[in-house]
Structures are given as structure tokens and as C-alpha cells.
N, C-alpha and C. Protein backbone atom coordinates (compact mmCIF):
# COMPACT_ATOMS: atom_id res chain seq x y z
N UNK A 1 -24.80 -10.47 8.24
CA UNK A 1 -25.08 -9.86 6.96
C UNK A 1 -24.12 -8.69 6.69
N UNK A 2 -23.86 -7.93 7.74
CA UNK A 2 -22.97 -6.79 7.60
C UNK A 2 -21.56 -7.25 7.20
N UNK A 3 -21.10 -8.35 7.78
CA UNK A 3 -19.78 -8.88 7.44
C UNK A 3 -19.72 -9.34 5.99
N UNK A 4 -20.78 -9.97 5.53
CA UNK A 4 -20.83 -10.43 4.13
C UNK A 4 -20.77 -9.24 3.19
N UNK A 5 -21.52 -8.19 3.52
CA UNK A 5 -21.52 -6.99 2.70
C UNK A 5 -20.12 -6.36 2.66
N UNK A 6 -19.47 -6.27 3.80
CA UNK A 6 -18.12 -5.70 3.86
C UNK A 6 -17.13 -6.56 3.07
N UNK A 7 -17.27 -7.87 3.16
CA UNK A 7 -16.41 -8.77 2.41
C UNK A 7 -16.61 -8.58 0.91
N UNK A 8 -17.85 -8.46 0.48
CA UNK A 8 -18.14 -8.22 -0.94
C UNK A 8 -17.56 -6.89 -1.40
N UNK A 9 -17.66 -5.86 -0.57
CA UNK A 9 -17.09 -4.56 -0.93
C UNK A 9 -15.58 -4.66 -1.09
N UNK A 10 -14.92 -5.33 -0.18
CA UNK A 10 -13.46 -5.50 -0.26
C UNK A 10 -13.07 -6.28 -1.50
N UNK A 11 -13.85 -7.29 -1.83
CA UNK A 11 -13.58 -8.09 -3.02
C UNK A 11 -13.74 -7.25 -4.28
N UNK A 12 -14.79 -6.42 -4.33
CA UNK A 12 -15.00 -5.56 -5.49
C UNK A 12 -13.86 -4.56 -5.64
N UNK A 13 -13.43 -3.98 -4.54
CA UNK A 13 -12.32 -3.02 -4.58
C UNK A 13 -11.05 -3.71 -5.05
N UNK A 14 -10.78 -4.89 -4.53
CA UNK A 14 -9.58 -5.64 -4.93
C UNK A 14 -9.59 -5.94 -6.41
N UNK A 15 -10.73 -6.37 -6.93
CA UNK A 15 -10.82 -6.67 -8.37
C UNK A 15 -10.59 -5.43 -9.20
N UNK A 16 -11.18 -4.32 -8.78
CA UNK A 16 -11.01 -3.08 -9.53
C UNK A 16 -9.57 -2.59 -9.46
N UNK A 17 -8.94 -2.76 -8.31
CA UNK A 17 -7.57 -2.28 -8.13
C UNK A 17 -6.57 -3.11 -8.92
N UNK A 18 -6.67 -4.42 -8.85
CA UNK A 18 -5.63 -5.27 -9.41
C UNK A 18 -5.82 -5.62 -10.88
N UNK A 19 -6.96 -5.35 -11.45
CA UNK A 19 -7.20 -5.74 -12.83
C UNK A 19 -6.78 -4.66 -13.83
N UNK A 20 -6.38 -3.53 -13.35
CA UNK A 20 -6.17 -2.38 -14.23
C UNK A 20 -4.82 -2.37 -14.93
N UNK A 21 -4.87 -1.86 -16.13
CA UNK A 21 -3.66 -1.63 -16.91
C UNK A 21 -3.19 -0.20 -16.62
N UNK A 22 -1.89 0.00 -16.62
CA UNK A 22 -1.33 1.32 -16.37
C UNK A 22 -0.55 1.76 -17.60
N UNK A 23 -1.09 2.73 -18.36
CA UNK A 23 -0.33 3.21 -19.52
C UNK A 23 0.82 4.12 -19.08
N UNK A 24 1.97 3.91 -19.70
CA UNK A 24 3.14 4.75 -19.49
C UNK A 24 3.42 5.43 -20.82
N UNK A 25 3.38 6.76 -20.84
CA UNK A 25 3.56 7.52 -22.07
C UNK A 25 4.96 8.13 -22.08
N UNK A 26 5.67 7.90 -23.16
CA UNK A 26 6.96 8.55 -23.41
C UNK A 26 6.84 9.15 -24.81
N UNK A 27 7.28 10.38 -24.98
CA UNK A 27 7.08 11.04 -26.27
C UNK A 27 8.18 10.77 -27.27
N UNK A 28 9.35 10.47 -26.81
CA UNK A 28 10.48 10.23 -27.71
C UNK A 28 11.17 8.95 -27.29
N UNK A 29 11.76 8.28 -28.26
CA UNK A 29 12.49 7.04 -27.97
C UNK A 29 13.93 7.36 -27.58
N UNK A 30 14.08 8.23 -26.61
CA UNK A 30 15.42 8.60 -26.12
C UNK A 30 15.94 7.50 -25.22
N UNK A 31 17.24 7.50 -25.01
CA UNK A 31 17.83 6.50 -24.12
C UNK A 31 17.27 6.64 -22.71
N UNK A 32 17.00 7.87 -22.28
CA UNK A 32 16.43 8.08 -20.94
C UNK A 32 15.06 7.43 -20.82
N UNK A 33 14.19 7.66 -21.80
CA UNK A 33 12.85 7.06 -21.75
C UNK A 33 12.91 5.55 -21.83
N UNK A 34 13.78 5.02 -22.67
CA UNK A 34 13.91 3.56 -22.79
C UNK A 34 14.44 2.95 -21.50
N UNK A 35 15.45 3.59 -20.90
CA UNK A 35 15.99 3.10 -19.63
C UNK A 35 14.93 3.17 -18.52
N UNK A 36 14.21 4.29 -18.46
CA UNK A 36 13.18 4.46 -17.42
C UNK A 36 12.07 3.43 -17.59
N UNK A 37 11.62 3.22 -18.82
CA UNK A 37 10.56 2.23 -19.08
C UNK A 37 11.02 0.84 -18.69
N UNK A 38 12.23 0.50 -19.07
CA UNK A 38 12.79 -0.80 -18.73
C UNK A 38 12.91 -0.96 -17.21
N UNK A 39 13.33 0.10 -16.54
CA UNK A 39 13.50 0.05 -15.10
C UNK A 39 12.16 -0.11 -14.38
N UNK A 40 11.13 0.58 -14.87
CA UNK A 40 9.79 0.43 -14.29
C UNK A 40 9.35 -1.02 -14.38
N UNK A 41 9.51 -1.62 -15.57
CA UNK A 41 9.12 -3.02 -15.75
C UNK A 41 9.91 -3.94 -14.82
N UNK A 42 11.22 -3.71 -14.76
CA UNK A 42 12.09 -4.55 -13.93
C UNK A 42 11.71 -4.46 -12.45
N UNK A 43 11.50 -3.25 -11.96
CA UNK A 43 11.16 -3.06 -10.55
C UNK A 43 9.77 -3.62 -10.24
N UNK A 44 8.84 -3.46 -11.15
CA UNK A 44 7.49 -4.01 -10.93
C UNK A 44 7.55 -5.53 -10.84
N UNK A 45 8.36 -6.13 -11.70
CA UNK A 45 8.49 -7.59 -11.69
C UNK A 45 9.19 -8.06 -10.41
N UNK A 46 10.28 -7.40 -10.04
CA UNK A 46 11.03 -7.83 -8.85
C UNK A 46 10.23 -7.61 -7.56
N UNK A 47 9.32 -6.63 -7.57
CA UNK A 47 8.46 -6.39 -6.41
C UNK A 47 7.14 -7.17 -6.49
N UNK A 48 7.00 -7.98 -7.54
CA UNK A 48 5.80 -8.81 -7.74
C UNK A 48 4.51 -7.99 -7.70
N UNK A 49 4.54 -6.85 -8.40
CA UNK A 49 3.36 -5.99 -8.43
C UNK A 49 2.34 -6.51 -9.44
N UNK A 50 1.07 -6.33 -9.17
CA UNK A 50 0.03 -6.85 -10.07
C UNK A 50 -0.26 -5.95 -11.27
N UNK A 51 0.37 -4.80 -11.35
CA UNK A 51 0.08 -3.85 -12.42
C UNK A 51 0.56 -4.37 -13.77
N UNK A 52 -0.26 -4.14 -14.79
CA UNK A 52 0.14 -4.47 -16.16
C UNK A 52 0.46 -3.14 -16.84
N UNK A 53 1.74 -2.92 -17.11
CA UNK A 53 2.16 -1.68 -17.74
C UNK A 53 2.10 -1.81 -19.25
N UNK A 54 1.52 -0.79 -19.90
CA UNK A 54 1.52 -0.71 -21.35
C UNK A 54 2.26 0.57 -21.71
N UNK A 55 3.04 0.52 -22.76
CA UNK A 55 3.88 1.66 -23.13
C UNK A 55 3.44 2.21 -24.48
N UNK A 56 3.36 3.54 -24.55
CA UNK A 56 2.95 4.20 -25.79
C UNK A 56 3.72 5.50 -25.94
N UNK A 57 3.91 5.91 -27.18
CA UNK A 57 4.60 7.18 -27.44
C UNK A 57 3.61 8.25 -27.92
N UNK A 58 2.33 8.00 -27.75
CA UNK A 58 1.31 8.89 -28.30
C UNK A 58 0.30 9.28 -27.22
N UNK A 59 0.30 10.53 -26.84
CA UNK A 59 -0.68 11.02 -25.87
C UNK A 59 -2.11 10.88 -26.39
N UNK A 60 -2.28 10.94 -27.71
CA UNK A 60 -3.61 10.82 -28.30
C UNK A 60 -4.18 9.41 -28.19
N UNK A 61 -3.35 8.44 -27.84
CA UNK A 61 -3.86 7.07 -27.69
C UNK A 61 -4.60 6.88 -26.37
N UNK A 62 -4.51 7.86 -25.48
CA UNK A 62 -5.21 7.78 -24.20
C UNK A 62 -6.68 8.11 -24.39
N UNK A 63 -7.53 7.37 -23.71
CA UNK A 63 -8.98 7.58 -23.86
C UNK A 63 -9.50 8.71 -22.96
N UNK A 64 -8.78 9.00 -21.89
CA UNK A 64 -9.22 10.03 -20.97
C UNK A 64 -9.95 9.49 -19.76
N UNK A 65 -10.27 8.19 -19.78
CA UNK A 65 -10.95 7.61 -18.62
C UNK A 65 -10.10 6.56 -17.91
N UNK A 66 -8.78 6.63 -18.11
CA UNK A 66 -7.87 5.71 -17.43
C UNK A 66 -7.88 5.96 -15.93
N UNK A 67 -7.65 4.91 -15.17
CA UNK A 67 -7.57 5.02 -13.71
C UNK A 67 -6.27 5.70 -13.30
N UNK A 68 -5.21 5.36 -14.03
CA UNK A 68 -3.88 5.91 -13.77
C UNK A 68 -3.16 6.05 -15.11
N UNK A 69 -2.45 7.16 -15.28
CA UNK A 69 -1.60 7.37 -16.45
C UNK A 69 -0.26 7.89 -15.94
N UNK A 70 0.82 7.27 -16.40
CA UNK A 70 2.17 7.73 -16.07
C UNK A 70 2.73 8.39 -17.32
N UNK A 71 3.21 9.62 -17.19
CA UNK A 71 3.81 10.33 -18.33
C UNK A 71 5.26 10.62 -17.98
N UNK A 72 6.17 10.15 -18.85
CA UNK A 72 7.60 10.41 -18.67
C UNK A 72 7.95 11.71 -19.37
N UNK A 73 8.48 12.67 -18.63
CA UNK A 73 8.90 13.96 -19.15
C UNK A 73 10.42 14.00 -19.06
N UNK A 74 11.08 13.89 -20.20
CA UNK A 74 12.55 13.83 -20.16
C UNK A 74 13.16 14.73 -21.21
N UNK A 75 14.47 14.84 -21.15
CA UNK A 75 15.21 15.58 -22.16
C UNK A 75 15.42 17.04 -21.84
N UNK A 76 14.93 17.50 -20.72
CA UNK A 76 15.08 18.89 -20.35
C UNK A 76 15.85 18.99 -19.04
N UNK A 77 16.45 20.15 -18.79
CA UNK A 77 17.11 20.34 -17.50
C UNK A 77 16.10 20.83 -16.46
N UNK A 78 14.97 21.35 -16.91
CA UNK A 78 13.87 21.74 -16.03
C UNK A 78 12.65 22.01 -16.89
N UNK A 79 11.51 22.12 -16.24
CA UNK A 79 10.29 22.42 -16.97
C UNK A 79 9.64 21.19 -17.58
N UNK A 80 8.54 21.43 -18.26
CA UNK A 80 7.76 20.36 -18.85
C UNK A 80 7.75 20.51 -20.36
N UNK A 81 7.88 19.39 -21.06
CA UNK A 81 7.81 19.38 -22.51
C UNK A 81 6.51 20.08 -22.93
N UNK A 82 6.56 21.00 -23.90
CA UNK A 82 5.35 21.73 -24.32
C UNK A 82 4.20 20.81 -24.76
N UNK A 83 4.51 19.67 -25.34
CA UNK A 83 3.45 18.73 -25.75
C UNK A 83 2.75 18.15 -24.52
N UNK A 84 3.51 17.89 -23.47
CA UNK A 84 2.92 17.38 -22.24
C UNK A 84 2.11 18.48 -21.56
N UNK A 85 2.65 19.69 -21.52
CA UNK A 85 1.93 20.83 -20.93
C UNK A 85 0.58 21.03 -21.60
N UNK A 86 0.57 20.96 -22.92
CA UNK A 86 -0.66 21.12 -23.68
C UNK A 86 -1.67 20.03 -23.31
N UNK A 87 -1.19 18.79 -23.21
CA UNK A 87 -2.07 17.69 -22.82
C UNK A 87 -2.62 17.90 -21.41
N UNK A 88 -1.75 18.28 -20.48
CA UNK A 88 -2.19 18.49 -19.10
C UNK A 88 -3.22 19.61 -19.00
N UNK A 89 -3.01 20.68 -19.77
CA UNK A 89 -3.94 21.81 -19.74
C UNK A 89 -5.33 21.42 -20.23
N UNK A 90 -5.40 20.48 -21.17
CA UNK A 90 -6.69 20.09 -21.74
C UNK A 90 -7.30 18.85 -21.07
N UNK A 91 -6.56 18.20 -20.20
CA UNK A 91 -7.03 16.96 -19.58
C UNK A 91 -8.17 17.21 -18.59
N UNK A 92 -9.19 16.39 -18.69
CA UNK A 92 -10.32 16.43 -17.76
C UNK A 92 -10.14 15.40 -16.64
N UNK A 93 -9.06 14.61 -16.71
CA UNK A 93 -8.85 13.50 -15.78
C UNK A 93 -7.50 13.65 -15.07
N UNK A 94 -7.22 14.83 -14.55
CA UNK A 94 -5.91 15.11 -13.95
C UNK A 94 -5.61 14.27 -12.72
N UNK A 95 -6.65 13.86 -11.99
CA UNK A 95 -6.43 13.07 -10.78
C UNK A 95 -5.81 11.72 -11.10
N UNK A 96 -5.88 11.28 -12.35
CA UNK A 96 -5.32 9.98 -12.74
C UNK A 96 -3.86 10.07 -13.18
N UNK A 97 -3.35 11.27 -13.39
CA UNK A 97 -2.03 11.45 -14.01
C UNK A 97 -0.91 11.55 -12.99
N UNK A 98 0.17 10.84 -13.29
CA UNK A 98 1.43 10.96 -12.54
C UNK A 98 2.48 11.39 -13.55
N UNK A 99 3.07 12.55 -13.35
CA UNK A 99 4.11 13.06 -14.24
C UNK A 99 5.47 12.75 -13.63
N UNK A 100 6.28 11.99 -14.37
CA UNK A 100 7.62 11.64 -13.90
C UNK A 100 8.61 12.49 -14.70
N UNK A 101 9.23 13.45 -14.02
CA UNK A 101 10.22 14.33 -14.64
C UNK A 101 11.60 13.72 -14.48
N UNK A 102 12.24 13.40 -15.58
CA UNK A 102 13.59 12.84 -15.56
C UNK A 102 14.52 13.90 -16.12
N UNK A 103 15.19 14.60 -15.23
CA UNK A 103 15.98 15.76 -15.60
C UNK A 103 17.47 15.46 -15.69
N UNK A 104 18.09 16.09 -16.65
CA UNK A 104 19.53 16.02 -16.81
C UNK A 104 20.13 17.24 -16.12
N UNK A 105 20.71 17.02 -14.95
CA UNK A 105 21.21 18.15 -14.16
C UNK A 105 22.65 17.91 -13.72
N UNK A 106 23.47 17.55 -14.66
CA UNK A 106 24.87 17.32 -14.34
C UNK A 106 25.07 16.09 -13.49
N UNK A 107 25.87 16.22 -12.46
CA UNK A 107 26.19 15.08 -11.60
C UNK A 107 25.28 14.98 -10.38
N UNK A 108 24.30 15.87 -10.29
CA UNK A 108 23.40 15.85 -9.13
C UNK A 108 22.51 14.62 -9.14
N UNK A 109 22.28 14.09 -7.96
CA UNK A 109 21.37 12.95 -7.79
C UNK A 109 20.22 13.45 -6.93
N UNK A 110 19.02 13.41 -7.49
CA UNK A 110 17.88 13.92 -6.75
C UNK A 110 16.66 13.05 -6.96
N UNK A 111 15.73 13.17 -6.03
CA UNK A 111 14.42 12.55 -6.17
C UNK A 111 13.48 13.35 -5.30
N UNK A 112 12.45 13.92 -5.90
CA UNK A 112 11.43 14.63 -5.13
C UNK A 112 10.05 14.19 -5.62
N UNK A 113 9.09 14.33 -4.75
CA UNK A 113 7.71 14.02 -5.09
C UNK A 113 6.85 15.17 -4.58
N UNK A 114 5.94 15.65 -5.44
CA UNK A 114 5.08 16.77 -5.08
C UNK A 114 3.64 16.38 -5.40
N UNK A 115 2.74 16.61 -4.45
CA UNK A 115 1.33 16.25 -4.67
C UNK A 115 0.67 17.23 -5.63
N UNK A 116 -0.42 16.80 -6.21
CA UNK A 116 -1.13 17.61 -7.21
C UNK A 116 -1.57 18.96 -6.66
N UNK A 117 -1.85 19.04 -5.37
CA UNK A 117 -2.28 20.30 -4.76
C UNK A 117 -1.17 21.36 -4.80
N UNK A 118 0.08 20.91 -4.91
CA UNK A 118 1.21 21.83 -4.85
C UNK A 118 1.92 22.01 -6.19
N UNK A 119 1.34 21.54 -7.28
CA UNK A 119 1.98 21.70 -8.59
C UNK A 119 1.16 22.63 -9.48
N UNK A 120 1.85 23.33 -10.36
CA UNK A 120 1.17 24.23 -11.30
C UNK A 120 0.29 23.45 -12.28
N UNK A 121 0.69 22.23 -12.59
CA UNK A 121 -0.05 21.42 -13.57
C UNK A 121 -1.28 20.76 -12.97
N UNK A 122 -1.36 20.67 -11.65
CA UNK A 122 -2.49 20.03 -11.00
C UNK A 122 -2.44 18.52 -11.00
N UNK A 123 -1.25 17.95 -11.25
CA UNK A 123 -1.08 16.49 -11.22
C UNK A 123 0.05 16.14 -10.25
N UNK A 124 0.04 14.90 -9.78
CA UNK A 124 1.13 14.44 -8.93
C UNK A 124 2.40 14.37 -9.77
N UNK A 125 3.52 14.82 -9.20
CA UNK A 125 4.79 14.83 -9.93
C UNK A 125 5.89 14.18 -9.11
N UNK A 126 6.72 13.43 -9.83
CA UNK A 126 7.95 12.86 -9.27
C UNK A 126 9.07 13.38 -10.14
N UNK A 127 10.13 13.88 -9.54
CA UNK A 127 11.29 14.34 -10.30
C UNK A 127 12.51 13.56 -9.86
N UNK A 128 13.32 13.16 -10.83
CA UNK A 128 14.53 12.39 -10.53
C UNK A 128 15.59 12.71 -11.58
N UNK A 129 16.82 12.39 -11.24
CA UNK A 129 17.93 12.59 -12.17
C UNK A 129 17.90 11.50 -13.25
N UNK A 130 18.49 11.81 -14.39
CA UNK A 130 18.48 10.85 -15.51
C UNK A 130 19.75 10.04 -15.59
N UNK A 131 20.46 9.91 -14.51
CA UNK A 131 21.73 9.18 -14.55
C UNK A 131 21.49 7.68 -14.64
N UNK A 132 21.89 7.08 -15.76
CA UNK A 132 21.74 5.65 -15.97
C UNK A 132 23.07 4.96 -16.20
N UNK A 133 24.04 5.67 -16.73
CA UNK A 133 25.31 5.04 -17.11
C UNK A 133 26.12 4.60 -15.91
N UNK A 134 26.27 5.49 -14.95
CA UNK A 134 27.05 5.17 -13.76
C UNK A 134 26.12 4.49 -12.76
N UNK A 135 26.42 3.27 -12.39
CA UNK A 135 25.51 2.47 -11.55
C UNK A 135 26.03 2.31 -10.12
N UNK A 136 26.42 3.39 -9.46
CA UNK A 136 26.86 3.24 -8.08
C UNK A 136 25.65 3.15 -7.15
N UNK A 137 25.90 2.92 -5.88
CA UNK A 137 24.80 2.66 -4.94
C UNK A 137 23.89 3.88 -4.74
N UNK A 138 24.43 5.09 -4.79
CA UNK A 138 23.60 6.28 -4.62
C UNK A 138 22.63 6.45 -5.79
N UNK A 139 23.11 6.20 -6.99
CA UNK A 139 22.25 6.30 -8.17
C UNK A 139 21.20 5.19 -8.15
N UNK A 140 21.61 3.99 -7.82
CA UNK A 140 20.67 2.87 -7.73
C UNK A 140 19.59 3.17 -6.69
N UNK A 141 19.99 3.70 -5.54
CA UNK A 141 19.03 4.03 -4.48
C UNK A 141 18.04 5.10 -4.96
N UNK A 142 18.53 6.08 -5.70
CA UNK A 142 17.66 7.14 -6.22
C UNK A 142 16.62 6.56 -7.18
N UNK A 143 17.04 5.66 -8.08
CA UNK A 143 16.10 5.04 -9.02
C UNK A 143 15.08 4.17 -8.28
N UNK A 144 15.53 3.44 -7.29
CA UNK A 144 14.61 2.63 -6.49
C UNK A 144 13.61 3.53 -5.76
N UNK A 145 14.09 4.67 -5.28
CA UNK A 145 13.24 5.59 -4.54
C UNK A 145 12.13 6.15 -5.43
N UNK A 146 12.47 6.61 -6.66
CA UNK A 146 11.41 7.19 -7.48
C UNK A 146 10.44 6.14 -8.00
N UNK A 147 10.92 4.92 -8.26
CA UNK A 147 9.97 3.89 -8.70
C UNK A 147 9.09 3.43 -7.55
N UNK A 148 9.62 3.37 -6.33
CA UNK A 148 8.78 3.04 -5.17
C UNK A 148 7.68 4.08 -5.00
N UNK A 149 8.04 5.35 -5.14
CA UNK A 149 7.04 6.42 -5.03
C UNK A 149 6.03 6.32 -6.17
N UNK A 150 6.48 6.01 -7.36
CA UNK A 150 5.58 5.83 -8.49
C UNK A 150 4.58 4.71 -8.20
N UNK A 151 5.08 3.57 -7.74
CA UNK A 151 4.20 2.43 -7.45
C UNK A 151 3.23 2.75 -6.32
N UNK A 152 3.67 3.53 -5.34
CA UNK A 152 2.79 3.93 -4.24
C UNK A 152 1.66 4.81 -4.77
N UNK A 153 2.00 5.78 -5.61
CA UNK A 153 0.98 6.67 -6.18
C UNK A 153 0.00 5.90 -7.07
N UNK A 154 0.51 4.95 -7.84
CA UNK A 154 -0.37 4.12 -8.68
C UNK A 154 -1.36 3.38 -7.80
N UNK A 155 -0.87 2.79 -6.73
CA UNK A 155 -1.73 2.03 -5.82
C UNK A 155 -2.81 2.94 -5.22
N UNK A 156 -2.41 4.11 -4.76
CA UNK A 156 -3.36 5.05 -4.16
C UNK A 156 -4.43 5.44 -5.17
N UNK A 157 -4.03 5.78 -6.38
CA UNK A 157 -4.99 6.20 -7.41
C UNK A 157 -5.94 5.06 -7.78
N UNK A 158 -5.42 3.86 -7.89
CA UNK A 158 -6.29 2.73 -8.23
C UNK A 158 -7.25 2.42 -7.08
N UNK A 159 -6.80 2.53 -5.85
CA UNK A 159 -7.69 2.29 -4.71
C UNK A 159 -8.78 3.34 -4.65
N UNK A 160 -8.43 4.60 -4.90
CA UNK A 160 -9.43 5.66 -4.91
C UNK A 160 -10.44 5.45 -6.03
N UNK A 161 -9.96 5.03 -7.19
CA UNK A 161 -10.85 4.76 -8.32
C UNK A 161 -11.77 3.60 -7.98
N UNK A 162 -11.23 2.54 -7.40
CA UNK A 162 -12.04 1.39 -7.02
C UNK A 162 -13.08 1.76 -5.97
N UNK A 163 -12.68 2.60 -5.02
CA UNK A 163 -13.61 3.04 -3.98
C UNK A 163 -14.72 3.88 -4.58
N UNK A 164 -14.40 4.74 -5.55
CA UNK A 164 -15.44 5.58 -6.16
C UNK A 164 -16.44 4.73 -6.94
N UNK A 165 -15.99 3.63 -7.54
CA UNK A 165 -16.91 2.74 -8.25
C UNK A 165 -17.87 2.10 -7.25
N UNK A 166 -17.34 1.61 -6.14
CA UNK A 166 -18.17 0.96 -5.13
C UNK A 166 -19.18 1.96 -4.56
N UNK A 167 -18.73 3.18 -4.27
CA UNK A 167 -19.62 4.18 -3.68
C UNK A 167 -20.68 4.65 -4.66
N UNK A 168 -20.36 4.64 -5.95
CA UNK A 168 -21.33 5.08 -6.96
C UNK A 168 -22.38 4.02 -7.24
N UNK A 169 -22.07 2.77 -6.98
CA UNK A 169 -23.03 1.69 -7.29
C UNK A 169 -24.05 1.51 -6.23
């Protein structure tokens, strides 16, 4: 009986984890946001991920009860777009948010990830360079690195959400 119960729990978690849509919010139709959105879709497909990504340019289209939300913050050399900062300050669902900072910092190639406990905004953050034009191996590796981290965080958040549903029932 215990094995059957554990099997049912695993099945419920799997259904909750893999059935979810992941909204990706970009505020402007800049080339950086379009390239990043396209790259997320391409990498998800090539890695055969079960996530269904939906793209929107309106933070107000979010219901607030999403399992995971990805927000693209681009167009700045540092800092967060004031519209995104305002949304983050008022959000009651910060544990679901992943902020992807795509910074224009000259020729530098970077990728960092910071957990929500260590950010001023209280959300998980990934920062990467916005280099899309030059496609050498270092730039390609950097883009693969930040999307891998993004997909890992999405998986973790969806598993935690699925686990909380099972524990609450």
C-alpha cells in the first residue's frame, strides 16, 4: 500500500510539473528581447523540454498565481527597468519569478546566477551579455549557459510548486 501511495504521489507531481505553461515577459520588442525569446524556444526544443513557453509584452497579463514567470530585463548596461522594479515590488508571488538581465556591456561576455536570498528584488536572477551578432564559440557557450540555468530554475520552481500541491491536499 505504501508503494502505491508513493507511486501516486510521484505521478501527481509529474503531472503538475510537466503540464505547466511558462510565461516569458519582455517589455519592448527590441532585437535583444526577440533574439533571447527565439533562443529560449530553440534551446527548449533542442533539449526536448516539456515546458510550453508563452510570450507576452504586458506584465499586467500575469494573473499572479503562475508557477513560474520569466521576465527579460534588457536595454540597460546595469540595473532593472523601472517598470519591472515596480512589478517586483508589488508582486505577492516572488518565489515564482526568474529575472533574466540581458546587459549591453561592450565586448564582455558574462553569465552569472544569483539566488533570491541574495538579490535586492527577492527573486532569482540570471545576468548575461546581450551579444547576438557575433556567433563565436565563447558567445555561444555563454548563451547555452544562461539558458541551461534558466531551464534548471524553471524545473526547480515547478517541482516545488507540484510538491506544495501534494502536501496541501
